[in-house]
Amino acid sequence: MFSNAEYTEAGDYLQAALETDGIETTYQLCHVAASEFPESREALESYDVVILSDIGYNTIVIPPETFSEGTRRANRLQILDEFVREGG
């Protein structure tokens, strides 16, 4: 049996490589993306590329306020899907 309880991240390697080449990046940990991932096509248009890695469906679709207050917000995964399908 194998188990691992250590929290690790690897996004910093990609971020460092991109920034070394002069590419500006915005890096959001999952708990940050849960509340701060863009909620509109207009907000997504400020990015040239969006990379999702090791992020769960619920993180993008169900913001923290939904759990704590029952607040509904836009389906950000659907917005991202439409953005990409339309050339974003």
PDB file of N, CA and C in Angstrom:
ATOM      1  N   MET A   1       0.840  -1.172   0.000  1.00  0.00           N
ATOM      2  CA  MET A   1       0.000   0.000   0.000  1.00  0.00           C
ATOM      3  C   MET A   1       0.891   1.243   0.000  1.00  0.00           C
ATOM      4  N   PHE A   2       0.465   2.238  -0.728  1.00  0.00           N
ATOM      5  CA  PHE A   2       1.211   3.492  -0.827  1.00  0.00           C
ATOM      6  C   PHE A   2       0.290   4.635  -0.427  1.00  0.00           C
ATOM      7  N   SER A   3       0.788   5.505   0.406  1.00  0.00           N
ATOM      8  CA  SER A   3       0.005   6.697   0.748  1.00  0.00           C
ATOM      9  C   SER A   3       0.953   7.875   0.899  1.00  0.00           C
ATOM     10  N   ASN A   4       0.413   9.047   0.666  1.00  0.00           N
ATOM     11  CA  ASN A   4       1.197  10.270   0.774  1.00  0.00           C
ATOM     12  C   ASN A   4       0.316  11.364   1.342  1.00  0.00           C
ATOM     13  N   ALA A   5       0.734  11.955   2.422  1.00  0.00           N
ATOM     14  CA  ALA A   5      -0.051  13.012   3.047  1.00  0.00           C
ATOM     15  C   ALA A   5       0.644  14.363   2.946  1.00  0.00           C
ATOM     16  N   GLU A   6       1.609  14.443   2.066  1.00  0.00           N
ATOM     17  CA  GLU A   6       2.376  15.675   1.916  1.00  0.00           C
ATOM     18  C   GLU A   6       1.736  16.575   0.860  1.00  0.00           C
ATOM     19  N   TYR A   7       1.601  17.857   1.180  1.00  0.00           N
ATOM     20  CA  TYR A   7       1.075  18.829   0.220  1.00  0.00           C
ATOM     21  C   TYR A   7       2.238  19.370  -0.598  1.00  0.00           C
ATOM     22  N   THR A   8       2.131  19.265  -1.901  1.00  0.00           N
ATOM     23  CA  THR A   8       3.177  19.797  -2.768  1.00  0.00           C
ATOM     24  C   THR A   8       2.538  20.542  -3.935  1.00  0.00           C
ATOM     25  N   GLU A   9       3.313  21.404  -4.555  1.00  0.00           N
ATOM     26  CA  GLU A   9       2.893  22.118  -5.749  1.00  0.00           C
ATOM     27  C   GLU A   9       4.021  22.055  -6.762  1.00  0.00           C
ATOM     28  N   ALA A  10       3.672  22.075  -8.018  1.00  0.00           N
ATOM     29  CA  ALA A  10       4.692  22.082  -9.060  1.00  0.00           C
ATOM     30  C   ALA A  10       4.486  23.237 -10.029  1.00  0.00           C
ATOM     31  N   GLY A  11       3.439  24.009  -9.861  1.00  0.00           N
ATOM     32  CA  GLY A  11       3.153  25.122 -10.753  1.00  0.00           C
ATOM     33  C   GLY A  11       4.241  26.171 -10.773  1.00  0.00           C
ATOM     34  N   ASP A  12       4.989  26.271  -9.697  1.00  0.00           N
ATOM     35  CA  ASP A  12       6.036  27.289  -9.640  1.00  0.00           C
ATOM     36  C   ASP A  12       7.129  27.039 -10.678  1.00  0.00           C
ATOM     37  N   TYR A  13       7.357  25.793 -11.069  1.00  0.00           N
ATOM     38  CA  TYR A  13       8.359  25.495 -12.082  1.00  0.00           C
ATOM     39  C   TYR A  13       7.929  26.045 -13.443  1.00  0.00           C
ATOM     40  N   LEU A  14       6.691  25.803 -13.817  1.00  0.00           N
ATOM     41  CA  LEU A  14       6.171  26.320 -15.084  1.00  0.00           C
ATOM     42  C   LEU A  14       6.137  27.846 -15.046  1.00  0.00           C
ATOM     43  N   GLN A  15       5.666  28.397 -13.944  1.00  0.00           N
ATOM     44  CA  GLN A  15       5.596  29.844 -13.811  1.00  0.00           C
ATOM     45  C   GLN A  15       6.986  30.470 -13.956  1.00  0.00           C
ATOM     46  N   ALA A  16       7.975  29.916 -13.306  1.00  0.00           N
ATOM     47  CA  ALA A  16       9.344  30.438 -13.394  1.00  0.00           C
ATOM     48  C   ALA A  16       9.877  30.355 -14.827  1.00  0.00           C
ATOM     49  N   ALA A  17       9.625  29.245 -15.501  1.00  0.00           N
ATOM     50  CA  ALA A  17      10.095  29.088 -16.877  1.00  0.00           C
ATOM     51  C   ALA A  17       9.452  30.119 -17.798  1.00  0.00           C
ATOM     52  N   LEU A  18       8.145  30.327 -17.642  1.00  0.00           N
ATOM     53  CA  LEU A  18       7.457  31.311 -18.475  1.00  0.00           C
ATOM     54  C   LEU A  18       7.968  32.719 -18.198  1.00  0.00           C
ATOM     55  N   GLU A  19       8.106  33.052 -16.932  1.00  0.00           N
ATOM     56  CA  GLU A  19       8.538  34.398 -16.572  1.00  0.00           C
ATOM     57  C   GLU A  19       9.994  34.647 -16.973  1.00  0.00           C
ATOM     58  N   THR A  20      10.814  33.593 -17.003  1.00  0.00           N
ATOM     59  CA  THR A  20      12.193  33.725 -17.486  1.00  0.00           C
ATOM     60  C   THR A  20      12.197  34.174 -18.944  1.00  0.00           C
ATOM     61  N   ASP A  21      11.197  33.736 -19.687  1.00  0.00           N
ATOM     62  CA  ASP A  21      11.069  34.125 -21.097  1.00  0.00           C
ATOM     63  C   ASP A  21      10.269  35.415 -21.270  1.00  0.00           C
ATOM     64  N   GLY A  22       9.996  36.117 -20.171  1.00  0.00           N
ATOM     65  CA  GLY A  22       9.301  37.402 -20.244  1.00  0.00           C
ATOM     66  C   GLY A  22       7.795  37.303 -20.357  1.00  0.00           C
ATOM     67  N   ILE A  23       7.231  36.152 -20.049  1.00  0.00           N
ATOM     68  CA  ILE A  23       5.786  35.956 -20.129  1.00  0.00           C
ATOM     69  C   ILE A  23       5.176  36.210 -18.756  1.00  0.00           C
ATOM     70  N   GLU A  24       4.277  37.173 -18.687  1.00  0.00           N
ATOM     71  CA  GLU A  24       3.608  37.493 -17.425  1.00  0.00           C
ATOM     72  C   GLU A  24       2.612  36.388 -17.087  1.00  0.00           C
ATOM     73  N   THR A  25       2.570  35.992 -15.831  1.00  0.00           N
ATOM     74  CA  THR A  25       1.669  34.923 -15.418  1.00  0.00           C
ATOM     75  C   THR A  25       0.810  35.343 -14.225  1.00  0.00           C
ATOM     76  N   THR A  26      -0.315  34.690 -14.104  1.00  0.00           N
ATOM     77  CA  THR A  26      -1.176  34.782 -12.926  1.00  0.00           C
ATOM     78  C   THR A  26      -1.390  33.356 -12.461  1.00  0.00           C
ATOM     79  N   TYR A  27      -0.968  33.065 -11.252  1.00  0.00           N
ATOM     80  CA  TYR A  27      -1.041  31.699 -10.733  1.00  0.00           C
ATOM     81  C   TYR A  27      -2.032  31.677  -9.572  1.00  0.00           C
ATOM     82  N   GLN A  28      -3.036  30.820  -9.677  1.00  0.00           N
ATOM     83  CA  GLN A  28      -4.034  30.700  -8.623  1.00  0.00           C
ATOM     84  C   GLN A  28      -4.022  29.285  -8.061  1.00  0.00           C
ATOM     85  N   LEU A  29      -3.777  29.185  -6.781  1.00  0.00           N
ATOM     86  CA  LEU A  29      -3.935  27.900  -6.106  1.00  0.00           C
ATOM     87  C   LEU A  29      -5.421  27.542  -6.126  1.00  0.00           C
ATOM     88  N   CYS A  30      -5.747  26.277  -5.933  1.00  0.00           N
ATOM     89  CA  CYS A  30      -7.149  25.848  -5.986  1.00  0.00           C
ATOM     90  C   CYS A  30      -8.042  26.635  -5.040  1.00  0.00           C
ATOM     91  N   HIS A  31      -7.590  26.855  -3.810  1.00  0.00           N
ATOM     92  CA  HIS A  31      -8.447  27.564  -2.866  1.00  0.00           C
ATOM     93  C   HIS A  31      -8.632  29.025  -3.258  1.00  0.00           C
ATOM     94  N   VAL A  32      -7.712  29.586  -4.022  1.00  0.00           N
ATOM     95  CA  VAL A  32      -7.857  30.954  -4.530  1.00  0.00           C
ATOM     96  C   VAL A  32      -8.778  30.947  -5.749  1.00  0.00           C
ATOM     97  N   ALA A  33      -8.571  30.002  -6.643  1.00  0.00           N
ATOM     98  CA  ALA A  33      -9.407  29.900  -7.839  1.00  0.00           C
ATOM     99  C   ALA A  33     -10.877  29.698  -7.485  1.00  0.00           C
ATOM    100  N   ALA A  34     -11.132  29.031  -6.387  1.00  0.00           N
ATOM    101  CA  ALA A  34     -12.521  28.796  -5.970  1.00  0.00           C
ATOM    102  C   ALA A  34     -13.299  30.099  -5.861  1.00  0.00           C
ATOM    103  N   SER A  35     -12.646  31.170  -5.433  1.00  0.00           N
ATOM    104  CA  SER A  35     -13.353  32.441  -5.285  1.00  0.00           C
ATOM    105  C   SER A  35     -12.925  33.502  -6.285  1.00  0.00           C
ATOM    106  N   GLU A  36     -11.756  33.345  -6.931  1.00  0.00           N
ATOM    107  CA  GLU A  36     -11.242  34.427  -7.777  1.00  0.00           C
ATOM    108  C   GLU A  36     -11.093  34.094  -9.259  1.00  0.00           C
ATOM    109  N   PHE A  37     -11.413  32.866  -9.664  1.00  0.00           N
ATOM    110  CA  PHE A  37     -11.348  32.546 -11.093  1.00  0.00           C
ATOM    111  C   PHE A  37     -12.344  33.438 -11.828  1.00  0.00           C
ATOM    112  N   PRO A  38     -11.986  33.954 -13.010  1.00  0.00           N
ATOM    113  CA  PRO A  38     -12.870  34.878 -13.732  1.00  0.00           C
ATOM    114  C   PRO A  38     -14.288  34.357 -13.907  1.00  0.00           C
ATOM    115  N   GLU A  39     -15.243  35.276 -13.790  1.00  0.00           N
ATOM    116  CA  GLU A  39     -16.665  34.923 -13.863  1.00  0.00           C
ATOM    117  C   GLU A  39     -17.359  35.420 -15.116  1.00  0.00           C
ATOM    118  N   SER A  40     -16.602  35.947 -16.072  1.00  0.00           N
ATOM    119  CA  SER A  40     -17.236  36.437 -17.296  1.00  0.00           C
ATOM    120  C   SER A  40     -16.280  36.291 -18.465  1.00  0.00           C
ATOM    121  N   ARG A  41     -16.844  36.298 -19.648  1.00  0.00           N
ATOM    122  CA  ARG A  41     -16.026  36.244 -20.863  1.00  0.00           C
ATOM    123  C   ARG A  41     -15.104  37.454 -20.918  1.00  0.00           C
ATOM    124  N   GLU A  42     -15.631  38.598 -20.535  1.00  0.00           N
ATOM    125  CA  GLU A  42     -14.832  39.822 -20.557  1.00  0.00           C
ATOM    126  C   GLU A  42     -13.608  39.689 -19.652  1.00  0.00           C
ATOM    127  N   ALA A  43     -13.787  39.106 -18.491  1.00  0.00           N
ATOM    128  CA  ALA A  43     -12.664  38.908 -17.571  1.00  0.00           C
ATOM    129  C   ALA A  43     -11.651  37.916 -18.137  1.00  0.00           C
ATOM    130  N   LEU A  44     -12.129  36.887 -18.823  1.00  0.00           N
ATOM    131  CA  LEU A  44     -11.223  35.908 -19.433  1.00  0.00           C
ATOM    132  C   LEU A  44     -10.435  36.506 -20.588  1.00  0.00           C
ATOM    133  N   GLU A  45     -10.992  37.502 -21.261  1.00  0.00           N
ATOM    134  CA  GLU A  45     -10.321  38.095 -22.415  1.00  0.00           C
ATOM    135  C   GLU A  45      -9.017  38.798 -22.058  1.00  0.00           C
ATOM    136  N   SER A  46      -8.782  39.036 -20.776  1.00  0.00           N
ATOM    137  CA  SER A  46      -7.516  39.661 -20.382  1.00  0.00           C
ATOM    138  C   SER A  46      -6.368  38.640 -20.361  1.00  0.00           C
ATOM    139  N   TYR A  47      -6.671  37.361 -20.613  1.00  0.00           N
ATOM    140  CA  TYR A  47      -5.663  36.301 -20.624  1.00  0.00           C
ATOM    141  C   TYR A  47      -5.479  35.770 -22.039  1.00  0.00           C
ATOM    142  N   ASP A  48      -4.227  35.483 -22.399  1.00  0.00           N
ATOM    143  CA  ASP A  48      -3.937  34.852 -23.686  1.00  0.00           C
ATOM    144  C   ASP A  48      -4.082  33.346 -23.603  1.00  0.00           C
ATOM    145  N   VAL A  49      -3.780  32.782 -22.427  1.00  0.00           N
ATOM    146  CA  VAL A  49      -3.813  31.340 -22.219  1.00  0.00           C
ATOM    147  C   VAL A  49      -4.343  31.062 -20.817  1.00  0.00           C
ATOM    148  N   VAL A  50      -5.167  30.034 -20.697  1.00  0.00           N
ATOM    149  CA  VAL A  50      -5.621  29.558 -19.394  1.00  0.00           C
ATOM    150  C   VAL A  50      -5.224  28.094 -19.294  1.00  0.00           C
ATOM    151  N   ILE A  51      -4.471  27.762 -18.255  1.00  0.00           N
ATOM    152  CA  ILE A  51      -4.052  26.383 -18.027  1.00  0.00           C
ATOM    153  C   ILE A  51      -4.675  25.916 -16.727  1.00  0.00           C
ATOM    154  N   LEU A  52      -5.425  24.826 -16.788  1.00  0.00           N
ATOM    155  CA  LEU A  52      -5.986  24.226 -15.587  1.00  0.00           C
ATOM    156  C   LEU A  52      -5.237  22.924 -15.340  1.00  0.00           C
ATOM    157  N   SER A  53      -4.766  22.747 -14.121  1.00  0.00           N
ATOM    158  CA  SER A  53      -4.054  21.521 -13.778  1.00  0.00           C
ATOM    159  C   SER A  53      -4.383  21.130 -12.348  1.00  0.00           C
ATOM    160  N   ASP A  54      -4.769  19.896 -12.168  1.00  0.00           N
ATOM    161  CA  ASP A  54      -5.063  19.373 -10.833  1.00  0.00           C
ATOM    162  C   ASP A  54      -6.068  20.240 -10.090  1.00  0.00           C
ATOM    163  N   ILE A  55      -7.128  20.585 -10.778  1.00  0.00           N
ATOM    164  CA  ILE A  55      -8.176  21.399 -10.169  1.00  0.00           C
ATOM    165  C   ILE A  55      -9.503  20.681 -10.393  1.00  0.00           C
ATOM    166  N   GLY A  56     -10.259  20.544  -9.353  1.00  0.00           N
ATOM    167  CA  GLY A  56     -11.512  19.813  -9.433  1.00  0.00           C
ATOM    168  C   GLY A  56     -12.653  20.623 -10.031  1.00  0.00           C
ATOM    169  N   TYR A  57     -13.596  19.924 -10.576  1.00  0.00           N
ATOM    170  CA  TYR A  57     -14.805  20.521 -11.155  1.00  0.00           C
ATOM    171  C   TYR A  57     -15.473  21.468 -10.164  1.00  0.00           C
ATOM    172  N   ASN A  58     -15.647  21.020  -8.934  1.00  0.00           N
ATOM    173  CA  ASN A  58     -16.334  21.834  -7.921  1.00  0.00           C
ATOM    174  C   ASN A  58     -15.618  23.143  -7.636  1.00  0.00           C
ATOM    175  N   THR A  59     -14.302  23.169  -7.758  1.00  0.00           N
ATOM    176  CA  THR A  59     -13.546  24.385  -7.484  1.00  0.00           C
ATOM    177  C   THR A  59     -13.960  25.498  -8.431  1.00  0.00           C
ATOM    178  N   ILE A  60     -14.192  25.165  -9.687  1.00  0.00           N
ATOM    179  CA  ILE A  60     -14.566  26.168 -10.683  1.00  0.00           C
ATOM    180  C   ILE A  60     -16.073  26.420 -10.689  1.00  0.00           C
ATOM    181  N   VAL A  61     -16.861  25.383 -10.513  1.00  0.00           N
ATOM    182  CA  VAL A  61     -18.310  25.501 -10.670  1.00  0.00           C
ATOM    183  C   VAL A  61     -19.031  25.943  -9.398  1.00  0.00           C
ATOM    184  N   ILE A  62     -18.547  25.529  -8.247  1.00  0.00           N
ATOM    185  CA  ILE A  62     -19.251  25.828  -6.993  1.00  0.00           C
ATOM    186  C   ILE A  62     -18.370  26.707  -6.107  1.00  0.00           C
ATOM    187  N   PRO A  63     -18.605  28.016  -6.103  1.00  0.00           N
ATOM    188  CA  PRO A  63     -17.795  28.915  -5.271  1.00  0.00           C
ATOM    189  C   PRO A  63     -18.094  28.727  -3.785  1.00  0.00           C
ATOM    190  N   PRO A  64     -17.185  29.164  -2.928  1.00  0.00           N
ATOM    191  CA  PRO A  64     -17.373  28.982  -1.484  1.00  0.00           C
ATOM    192  C   PRO A  64     -18.707  29.532  -0.946  1.00  0.00           C
ATOM    193  N   GLU A  65     -19.192  30.628  -1.516  1.00  0.00           N
ATOM    194  CA  GLU A  65     -20.449  31.221  -1.031  1.00  0.00           C
ATOM    195  C   GLU A  65     -21.647  30.297  -1.228  1.00  0.00           C
ATOM    196  N   THR A  66     -21.552  29.413  -2.207  1.00  0.00           N
ATOM    197  CA  THR A  66     -22.648  28.466  -2.426  1.00  0.00           C
ATOM    198  C   THR A  66     -22.765  27.528  -1.236  1.00  0.00           C
ATOM    199  N   PHE A  67     -21.631  27.073  -0.732  1.00  0.00           N
ATOM    200  CA  PHE A  67     -21.643  26.182   0.430  1.00  0.00           C
ATOM    201  C   PHE A  67     -22.044  26.919   1.702  1.00  0.00           C
ATOM    202  N   SER A  68     -21.496  28.108   1.904  1.00  0.00           N
ATOM    203  CA  SER A  68     -21.716  28.808   3.173  1.00  0.00           C
ATOM    204  C   SER A  68     -23.014  29.595   3.226  1.00  0.00           C
ATOM    205  N   GLU A  69     -23.479  30.123   2.069  1.00  0.00           N
ATOM    206  CA  GLU A  69     -24.646  31.008   2.077  1.00  0.00           C
ATOM    207  C   GLU A  69     -25.744  30.600   1.102  1.00  0.00           C
ATOM    208  N   GLY A  70     -25.473  29.595   0.280  1.00  0.00           N
ATOM    209  CA  GLY A  70     -26.453  29.186  -0.721  1.00  0.00           C
ATOM    210  C   GLY A  70     -26.513  30.130  -1.910  1.00  0.00           C
ATOM    211  N   THR A  71     -25.519  31.002  -2.047  1.00  0.00           N
ATOM    212  CA  THR A  71     -25.476  31.977  -3.127  1.00  0.00           C
ATOM    213  C   THR A  71     -25.143  31.299  -4.444  1.00  0.00           C
ATOM    214  N   ARG A  72     -25.887  31.668  -5.489  1.00  0.00           N
ATOM    215  CA  ARG A  72     -25.625  31.135  -6.823  1.00  0.00           C
ATOM    216  C   ARG A  72     -24.838  32.158  -7.616  1.00  0.00           C
ATOM    217  N   ARG A  73     -23.875  31.662  -8.390  1.00  0.00           N
ATOM    218  CA  ARG A  73     -23.088  32.517  -9.268  1.00  0.00           C
ATOM    219  C   ARG A  73     -22.996  31.856 -10.634  1.00  0.00           C
ATOM    220  N   ALA A  74     -22.413  32.557 -11.559  1.00  0.00           N
ATOM    221  CA  ALA A  74     -22.272  32.035 -12.921  1.00  0.00           C
ATOM    222  C   ALA A  74     -21.472  30.734 -12.925  1.00  0.00           C
ATOM    223  N   ASN A  75     -21.790  29.854 -13.859  1.00  0.00           N
ATOM    224  CA  ASN A  75     -21.048  28.615 -14.035  1.00  0.00           C
ATOM    225  C   ASN A  75     -19.768  28.956 -14.796  1.00  0.00           C
ATOM    226  N   ARG A  76     -18.690  29.088 -14.066  1.00  0.00           N
ATOM    227  CA  ARG A  76     -17.430  29.544 -14.667  1.00  0.00           C
ATOM    228  C   ARG A  76     -16.841  28.524 -15.627  1.00  0.00           C
ATOM    229  N   LEU A  77     -17.114  27.259 -15.438  1.00  0.00           N
ATOM    230  CA  LEU A  77     -16.629  26.249 -16.373  1.00  0.00           C
ATOM    231  C   LEU A  77     -17.343  26.390 -17.716  1.00  0.00           C
ATOM    232  N   GLN A  78     -18.620  26.670 -17.680  1.00  0.00           N
ATOM    233  CA  GLN A  78     -19.380  26.889 -18.904  1.00  0.00           C
ATOM    234  C   GLN A  78     -18.892  28.155 -19.616  1.00  0.00           C
ATOM    235  N   ILE A  79     -18.605  29.188 -18.849  1.00  0.00           N
ATOM    236  CA  ILE A  79     -18.079  30.424 -19.434  1.00  0.00           C
ATOM    237  C   ILE A  79     -16.730  30.152 -20.102  1.00  0.00           C
ATOM    238  N   LEU A  80     -15.866  29.387 -19.437  1.00  0.00           N
ATOM    239  CA  LEU A  80     -14.564  29.043 -20.005  1.00  0.00           C
ATOM    240  C   LEU A  80     -14.740  28.210 -21.268  1.00  0.00           C
ATOM    241  N   ASP A  81     -15.651  27.253 -21.248  1.00  0.00           N
ATOM    242  CA  ASP A  81     -15.917  26.415 -22.413  1.00  0.00           C
ATOM    243  C   ASP A  81     -16.356  27.262 -23.601  1.00  0.00           C
ATOM    244  N   GLU A  82     -17.298  28.162 -23.376  1.00  0.00           N
ATOM    245  CA  GLU A  82     -17.784  29.029 -24.457  1.00  0.00           C
ATOM    246  C   GLU A  82     -16.676  29.945 -24.965  1.00  0.00           C
ATOM    247  N   PHE A  83     -15.876  30.456 -24.062  1.00  0.00           N
ATOM    248  CA  PHE A  83     -14.763  31.322 -24.413  1.00  0.00           C
ATOM    249  C   PHE A  83     -13.795  30.596 -25.358  1.00  0.00           C
ATOM    250  N   VAL A  84     -13.445  29.366 -25.011  1.00  0.00           N
ATOM    251  CA  VAL A  84     -12.507  28.589 -25.834  1.00  0.00           C
ATOM    252  C   VAL A  84     -13.139  28.233 -27.173  1.00  0.00           C
ATOM    253  N   ARG A  85     -14.385  27.786 -27.154  1.00  0.00           N
ATOM    254  CA  ARG A  85     -15.061  27.416 -28.419  1.00  0.00           C
ATOM    255  C   ARG A  85     -15.190  28.595 -29.384  1.00  0.00           C
ATOM    256  N   GLU A  86     -15.240  29.809 -28.816  1.00  0.00           N
ATOM    257  CA  GLU A  86     -15.372  31.004 -29.644  1.00  0.00           C
ATOM    258  C   GLU A  86     -14.014  31.620 -29.981  1.00  0.00           C
ATOM    259  N   GLY A  87     -12.938  30.868 -29.748  1.00  0.00           N
ATOM    260  CA  GLY A  87     -11.617  31.323 -30.175  1.00  0.00           C
ATOM    261  C   GLY A  87     -10.740  31.904 -29.096  1.00  0.00           C
ATOM    262  N   GLY A  88     -11.222  31.980 -27.878  1.00  0.00           N
ATOM    263  CA  GLY A  88     -10.413  32.526 -26.785  1.00  0.00           C
ATOM    264  C   GLY A  88      -9.323  31.572 -26.367  1.00  0.00           C
TER     265      GLY A  88
END
